[in-house]
Amino acid sequence: MIEAVNAYDYGLQAGVFTSDINRAFRLFDALEMGGVWINDISTVRHDHYPYGGVKKSGFGLEGVAYAIQEMTELKFLGIKLM
C-alpha cells in the first residue's frame, strides 16, 4: 500500500487513521509526503506549521517562519582583528 501511495508524482498531505501509535510513526517515516496527519485530515493551515509538499506538490514551505527561511540565504563572516 505504501509503495502505491509513494508511486504518485505528488506528495502534499496524507491522513492516516489508526489506533496503533507505533504504526502511525512507521507510516509517517515511510510516506513520501510533505505532511502526515494522524487520525485527522488537513482542513486548515496554521502559520506555525510547516506546510508544503514533496515531488510535484510545490516548491518550498509556507508558514511565516518557514517561508522566511526558504527566502533566506545564510552566510557567515569571520573576522580576526590584528
N, C-alpha and C. Protein backbone atom coordinates (compact mmCIF):
# COMPACT_ATOMS: atom_id res chain seq x y z
N MET A 1 0.82 -1.19 0.00
CA MET A 1 0.00 0.00 0.00
C MET A 1 0.87 1.26 0.00
N ILE A 2 1.89 1.30 0.85
CA ILE A 2 2.76 2.47 0.92
C ILE A 2 3.45 2.69 -0.42
N GLU A 3 3.88 1.62 -1.07
CA GLU A 3 4.54 1.74 -2.36
C GLU A 3 3.60 2.36 -3.39
N ALA A 4 2.34 2.00 -3.34
CA ALA A 4 1.36 2.55 -4.28
C ALA A 4 1.17 4.05 -4.05
N VAL A 5 1.09 4.45 -2.80
CA VAL A 5 0.93 5.87 -2.48
C VAL A 5 2.18 6.64 -2.89
N ASN A 6 3.35 6.12 -2.55
CA ASN A 6 4.60 6.80 -2.87
C ASN A 6 4.90 6.82 -4.37
N ALA A 7 4.23 5.98 -5.16
CA ALA A 7 4.46 5.94 -6.60
C ALA A 7 3.88 7.16 -7.31
N TYR A 8 2.95 7.87 -6.69
CA TYR A 8 2.37 9.07 -7.30
C TYR A 8 3.43 10.17 -7.41
N ASP A 9 3.24 11.03 -8.40
CA ASP A 9 4.17 12.14 -8.63
C ASP A 9 3.98 13.28 -7.62
N TYR A 10 2.94 13.20 -6.82
CA TYR A 10 2.62 14.28 -5.89
C TYR A 10 2.68 13.77 -4.46
N GLY A 11 2.96 14.68 -3.53
CA GLY A 11 3.04 14.28 -2.14
C GLY A 11 2.83 15.46 -1.21
N LEU A 12 1.62 16.01 -1.19
CA LEU A 12 1.36 17.18 -0.36
C LEU A 12 1.05 16.77 1.08
N GLN A 13 -0.08 16.14 1.31
CA GLN A 13 -0.50 15.77 2.66
C GLN A 13 -1.12 14.38 2.63
N ALA A 14 -1.06 13.70 3.75
CA ALA A 14 -1.71 12.39 3.90
C ALA A 14 -2.41 12.34 5.24
N GLY A 15 -3.50 11.62 5.30
CA GLY A 15 -4.20 11.35 6.54
C GLY A 15 -4.16 9.86 6.83
N VAL A 16 -3.74 9.51 8.03
CA VAL A 16 -3.62 8.11 8.44
C VAL A 16 -4.51 7.89 9.65
N PHE A 17 -5.34 6.88 9.57
CA PHE A 17 -6.25 6.59 10.68
C PHE A 17 -5.87 5.25 11.29
N THR A 18 -5.46 5.28 12.55
CA THR A 18 -5.03 4.07 13.25
C THR A 18 -5.10 4.31 14.76
N SER A 19 -5.27 3.24 15.50
CA SER A 19 -5.21 3.33 16.96
C SER A 19 -3.85 2.87 17.47
N ASP A 20 -2.97 2.47 16.57
CA ASP A 20 -1.64 1.96 16.92
C ASP A 20 -0.61 3.07 16.70
N ILE A 21 -0.12 3.67 17.77
CA ILE A 21 0.81 4.79 17.66
C ILE A 21 2.12 4.38 17.00
N ASN A 22 2.56 3.15 17.21
CA ASN A 22 3.77 2.68 16.55
C ASN A 22 3.58 2.60 15.04
N ARG A 23 2.43 2.14 14.60
CA ARG A 23 2.12 2.11 13.18
C ARG A 23 2.07 3.54 12.62
N ALA A 24 1.53 4.46 13.38
CA ALA A 24 1.47 5.85 12.94
C ALA A 24 2.87 6.39 12.68
N PHE A 25 3.79 6.14 13.57
CA PHE A 25 5.16 6.61 13.38
C PHE A 25 5.84 5.92 12.20
N ARG A 26 5.59 4.63 12.03
CA ARG A 26 6.16 3.90 10.88
C ARG A 26 5.63 4.48 9.56
N LEU A 27 4.33 4.76 9.51
CA LEU A 27 3.75 5.33 8.30
C LEU A 27 4.27 6.74 8.05
N PHE A 28 4.42 7.52 9.10
CA PHE A 28 4.99 8.86 8.96
C PHE A 28 6.37 8.78 8.31
N ASP A 29 7.20 7.86 8.78
CA ASP A 29 8.54 7.70 8.22
C ASP A 29 8.51 7.20 6.78
N ALA A 30 7.58 6.32 6.46
CA ALA A 30 7.57 5.66 5.16
C ALA A 30 6.90 6.48 4.06
N LEU A 31 5.91 7.29 4.40
CA LEU A 31 5.17 8.03 3.38
C LEU A 31 5.99 9.22 2.87
N GLU A 32 6.06 9.35 1.57
CA GLU A 32 6.76 10.47 0.94
C GLU A 32 5.78 11.62 0.76
N MET A 33 5.53 12.31 1.86
CA MET A 33 4.56 13.40 1.89
C MET A 33 5.18 14.60 2.60
N GLY A 34 4.68 15.78 2.27
CA GLY A 34 5.12 16.97 2.97
C GLY A 34 4.57 17.05 4.38
N GLY A 35 3.44 16.41 4.63
CA GLY A 35 2.85 16.39 5.95
C GLY A 35 1.99 15.15 6.12
N VAL A 36 1.96 14.63 7.31
CA VAL A 36 1.14 13.46 7.61
C VAL A 36 0.32 13.78 8.86
N TRP A 37 -0.97 13.64 8.73
CA TRP A 37 -1.88 13.82 9.85
C TRP A 37 -2.29 12.45 10.37
N ILE A 38 -2.27 12.30 11.68
CA ILE A 38 -2.69 11.04 12.30
C ILE A 38 -4.10 11.23 12.86
N ASN A 39 -5.03 10.40 12.42
CA ASN A 39 -6.42 10.42 12.84
C ASN A 39 -7.10 11.75 12.57
N ASP A 40 -6.69 12.39 11.49
CA ASP A 40 -7.28 13.66 11.06
C ASP A 40 -6.88 13.89 9.61
N ILE A 41 -7.43 14.93 9.01
CA ILE A 41 -7.03 15.33 7.67
C ILE A 41 -6.72 16.81 7.68
N SER A 42 -6.02 17.25 6.68
CA SER A 42 -5.65 18.66 6.58
C SER A 42 -6.83 19.46 6.07
N THR A 43 -7.47 20.20 6.96
CA THR A 43 -8.60 21.05 6.55
C THR A 43 -8.28 22.53 6.74
N VAL A 44 -7.26 22.81 7.51
CA VAL A 44 -6.85 24.20 7.74
C VAL A 44 -5.33 24.27 7.68
N ARG A 45 -4.85 25.48 7.51
CA ARG A 45 -3.41 25.69 7.51
C ARG A 45 -3.09 26.71 8.60
N HIS A 46 -2.19 26.37 9.49
CA HIS A 46 -1.76 27.27 10.55
C HIS A 46 -0.38 27.79 10.19
N ASP A 47 -0.16 29.07 10.39
CA ASP A 47 1.12 29.66 10.01
C ASP A 47 2.31 29.09 10.77
N HIS A 48 2.09 28.53 11.95
CA HIS A 48 3.21 27.98 12.71
C HIS A 48 3.53 26.54 12.32
N TYR A 49 2.74 25.95 11.41
CA TYR A 49 3.04 24.62 10.88
C TYR A 49 3.82 24.78 9.57
N PRO A 50 4.81 23.95 9.34
CA PRO A 50 5.41 23.96 8.00
C PRO A 50 4.44 23.30 7.03
N TYR A 51 4.02 24.02 6.01
CA TYR A 51 3.05 23.48 5.06
C TYR A 51 3.68 23.50 3.68
N GLY A 52 3.84 22.34 3.11
CA GLY A 52 4.40 22.23 1.77
C GLY A 52 4.46 20.78 1.38
N GLY A 53 4.75 20.56 0.13
CA GLY A 53 4.75 19.21 -0.37
C GLY A 53 6.11 18.77 -0.87
N VAL A 54 6.14 17.55 -1.35
CA VAL A 54 7.34 16.99 -1.96
C VAL A 54 6.96 16.58 -3.38
N LYS A 55 7.96 16.24 -4.15
CA LYS A 55 7.78 15.83 -5.54
C LYS A 55 7.17 17.00 -6.31
N LYS A 56 6.08 16.79 -7.04
CA LYS A 56 5.47 17.86 -7.84
C LYS A 56 4.39 18.63 -7.08
N SER A 57 4.39 18.54 -5.77
CA SER A 57 3.37 19.20 -4.95
C SER A 57 3.84 20.53 -4.39
N GLY A 58 4.65 21.22 -5.09
CA GLY A 58 5.02 22.54 -4.64
C GLY A 58 6.50 22.72 -4.46
N PHE A 59 6.85 23.95 -4.23
CA PHE A 59 8.24 24.34 -4.08
C PHE A 59 8.37 25.13 -2.79
N GLY A 60 9.11 24.61 -1.84
CA GLY A 60 9.30 25.32 -0.58
C GLY A 60 8.18 25.07 0.41
N LEU A 61 8.28 25.78 1.51
CA LEU A 61 7.31 25.65 2.59
C LEU A 61 6.60 26.96 2.85
N GLU A 62 5.33 26.87 3.23
CA GLU A 62 4.57 28.03 3.67
C GLU A 62 4.54 28.03 5.19
N GLY A 63 4.04 29.10 5.74
CA GLY A 63 4.06 29.31 7.18
C GLY A 63 5.12 30.36 7.44
N VAL A 64 4.82 31.36 8.22
CA VAL A 64 5.66 32.55 8.33
C VAL A 64 7.14 32.23 8.53
N ALA A 65 7.48 31.50 9.56
CA ALA A 65 8.89 31.22 9.84
C ALA A 65 9.53 30.40 8.72
N TYR A 66 8.78 29.48 8.15
CA TYR A 66 9.32 28.59 7.13
C TYR A 66 9.46 29.32 5.80
N ALA A 67 8.53 30.21 5.47
CA ALA A 67 8.64 30.99 4.25
C ALA A 67 9.85 31.91 4.33
N ILE A 68 10.07 32.54 5.48
CA ILE A 68 11.24 33.39 5.66
C ILE A 68 12.51 32.56 5.51
N GLN A 69 12.53 31.39 6.10
CA GLN A 69 13.69 30.51 5.99
C GLN A 69 13.93 30.12 4.54
N GLU A 70 12.87 29.85 3.78
CA GLU A 70 13.00 29.48 2.38
C GLU A 70 13.58 30.62 1.54
N MET A 71 13.29 31.86 1.95
CA MET A 71 13.75 33.02 1.17
C MET A 71 15.05 33.61 1.70
N THR A 72 15.65 32.96 2.68
CA THR A 72 16.86 33.48 3.30
C THR A 72 18.05 32.60 2.96
N GLU A 73 19.14 33.24 2.66
CA GLU A 73 20.37 32.50 2.44
C GLU A 73 21.33 32.86 3.57
N LEU A 74 21.64 31.86 4.38
CA LEU A 74 22.55 32.10 5.49
C LEU A 74 23.97 32.28 4.97
N LYS A 75 24.66 33.18 5.60
CA LYS A 75 26.04 33.45 5.19
C LYS A 75 26.85 33.78 6.44
N PHE A 76 28.06 33.30 6.48
CA PHE A 76 28.92 33.50 7.65
C PHE A 76 30.05 34.46 7.30
N LEU A 77 30.39 35.34 8.22
CA LEU A 77 31.54 36.21 8.08
C LEU A 77 32.39 36.06 9.34
N GLY A 78 33.63 35.66 9.18
CA GLY A 78 34.56 35.54 10.30
C GLY A 78 35.66 36.59 10.13
N ILE A 79 35.96 37.32 11.19
CA ILE A 79 36.99 38.36 11.13
C ILE A 79 37.94 38.16 12.32
N LYS A 80 39.20 38.14 12.03
CA LYS A 80 40.22 38.13 13.08
C LYS A 80 40.90 39.49 13.02
N LEU A 81 40.69 40.30 14.03
CA LEU A 81 41.31 41.63 14.07
C LEU A 81 42.72 41.53 14.56
N MET A 82 43.64 42.21 13.90
CA MET A 82 45.07 42.18 14.27
C MET A 82 45.39 43.34 15.19
